[in-house]
Amino acid sequence: MKQLAKVIDNFKVGKHLIIVLDSIEKDFTKIEIEGTLYDATIAYDIPNAISIESNNDFIGKTVKFYG
């Protein structure tokens, strides 16, 4: 089963959206939020954060990780 996490904060940095989660899986290349898949990377400077290209606000949404 894929790990799920909840978005607790997000903010824009250039064209990227930094998403802060309540927990994070370490081995993934994509995430799914509200049925849409995004390429994602870990934002190493911020605990439990990932980076995607998006203009949306995902606070309170559920993230599913894909390896």
Protein backbone atom coordinates (compact mmCIF):
# COMPACT_ATOMS: atom_id res chain seq x y z
CA MET A 1 0.00 0.00 0.00
CA LYS A 2 1.22 3.50 -0.82
CA GLN A 3 1.93 5.84 2.06
CA LEU A 4 -0.44 8.76 2.54
CA ALA A 5 0.40 12.14 4.04
CA LYS A 6 -1.54 15.32 4.78
CA VAL A 7 -0.50 18.75 3.52
CA ILE A 8 0.00 21.11 6.47
CA ASP A 9 1.44 24.08 4.52
CA ASN A 10 2.47 25.11 1.01
CA PHE A 11 4.10 28.13 -0.58
CA LYS A 12 5.46 29.25 -3.97
CA VAL A 13 9.14 29.60 -4.80
CA GLY A 14 9.42 30.64 -8.44
CA LYS A 15 7.57 28.08 -10.56
CA HIS A 16 7.69 25.49 -7.76
CA LEU A 17 5.22 24.83 -4.99
CA ILE A 18 6.85 23.69 -1.75
CA ILE A 19 4.50 21.36 0.11
CA VAL A 20 5.05 20.68 3.81
CA LEU A 21 3.60 17.35 4.95
CA ASP A 22 2.83 15.69 8.28
CA SER A 23 5.07 12.78 7.17
CA ILE A 24 7.11 11.90 4.11
CA GLU A 25 8.11 8.75 2.23
CA LYS A 26 11.79 8.68 1.26
CA ASP A 27 11.56 6.66 -1.96
CA PHE A 28 9.25 8.28 -4.52
CA THR A 29 9.32 10.03 -7.89
CA LYS A 30 5.67 11.09 -8.21
CA ILE A 31 2.82 12.10 -5.94
CA GLU A 32 -0.93 12.18 -6.41
CA ILE A 33 -3.16 14.94 -5.06
CA GLU A 34 -6.89 14.98 -5.82
CA GLY A 35 -6.45 12.49 -8.67
CA THR A 36 -3.63 14.38 -10.44
CA LEU A 37 -0.07 12.99 -10.67
CA TYR A 38 2.90 15.34 -10.23
CA ASP A 39 6.65 14.80 -10.60
CA ALA A 40 8.05 15.53 -7.15
CA THR A 41 11.37 15.88 -5.35
CA ILE A 42 12.32 16.24 -1.71
CA ALA A 43 12.94 19.83 -0.58
CA TYR A 44 15.94 18.98 1.61
CA ASP A 45 16.22 22.36 3.36
CA ILE A 46 12.74 22.05 4.89
CA PRO A 47 11.69 19.10 7.11
CA ASN A 48 8.97 16.87 5.57
CA ALA A 49 8.75 19.00 2.42
CA ILE A 50 8.52 18.22 -1.28
CA SER A 51 8.59 20.35 -4.41
CA ILE A 52 6.28 20.18 -7.44
CA GLU A 53 5.36 22.51 -10.30
CA SER A 54 1.89 23.86 -9.51
CA ASN A 55 -0.03 27.05 -8.74
CA ASN A 56 -2.66 25.32 -6.57
CA ASP A 57 -3.22 25.48 -2.82
CA PHE A 58 -3.24 21.97 -1.32
CA ILE A 59 -3.45 22.72 2.42
CA GLY A 60 -5.51 19.98 4.10
CA LYS A 61 -5.35 17.67 1.07
CA THR A 62 -4.03 14.09 1.07
CA VAL A 63 -0.86 13.12 -0.83
CA LYS A 64 -0.18 9.61 -2.12
CA PHE A 65 3.43 8.67 -2.96
CA TYR A 66 4.51 6.60 -5.98
CA GLY A 67 7.98 5.06 -6.41
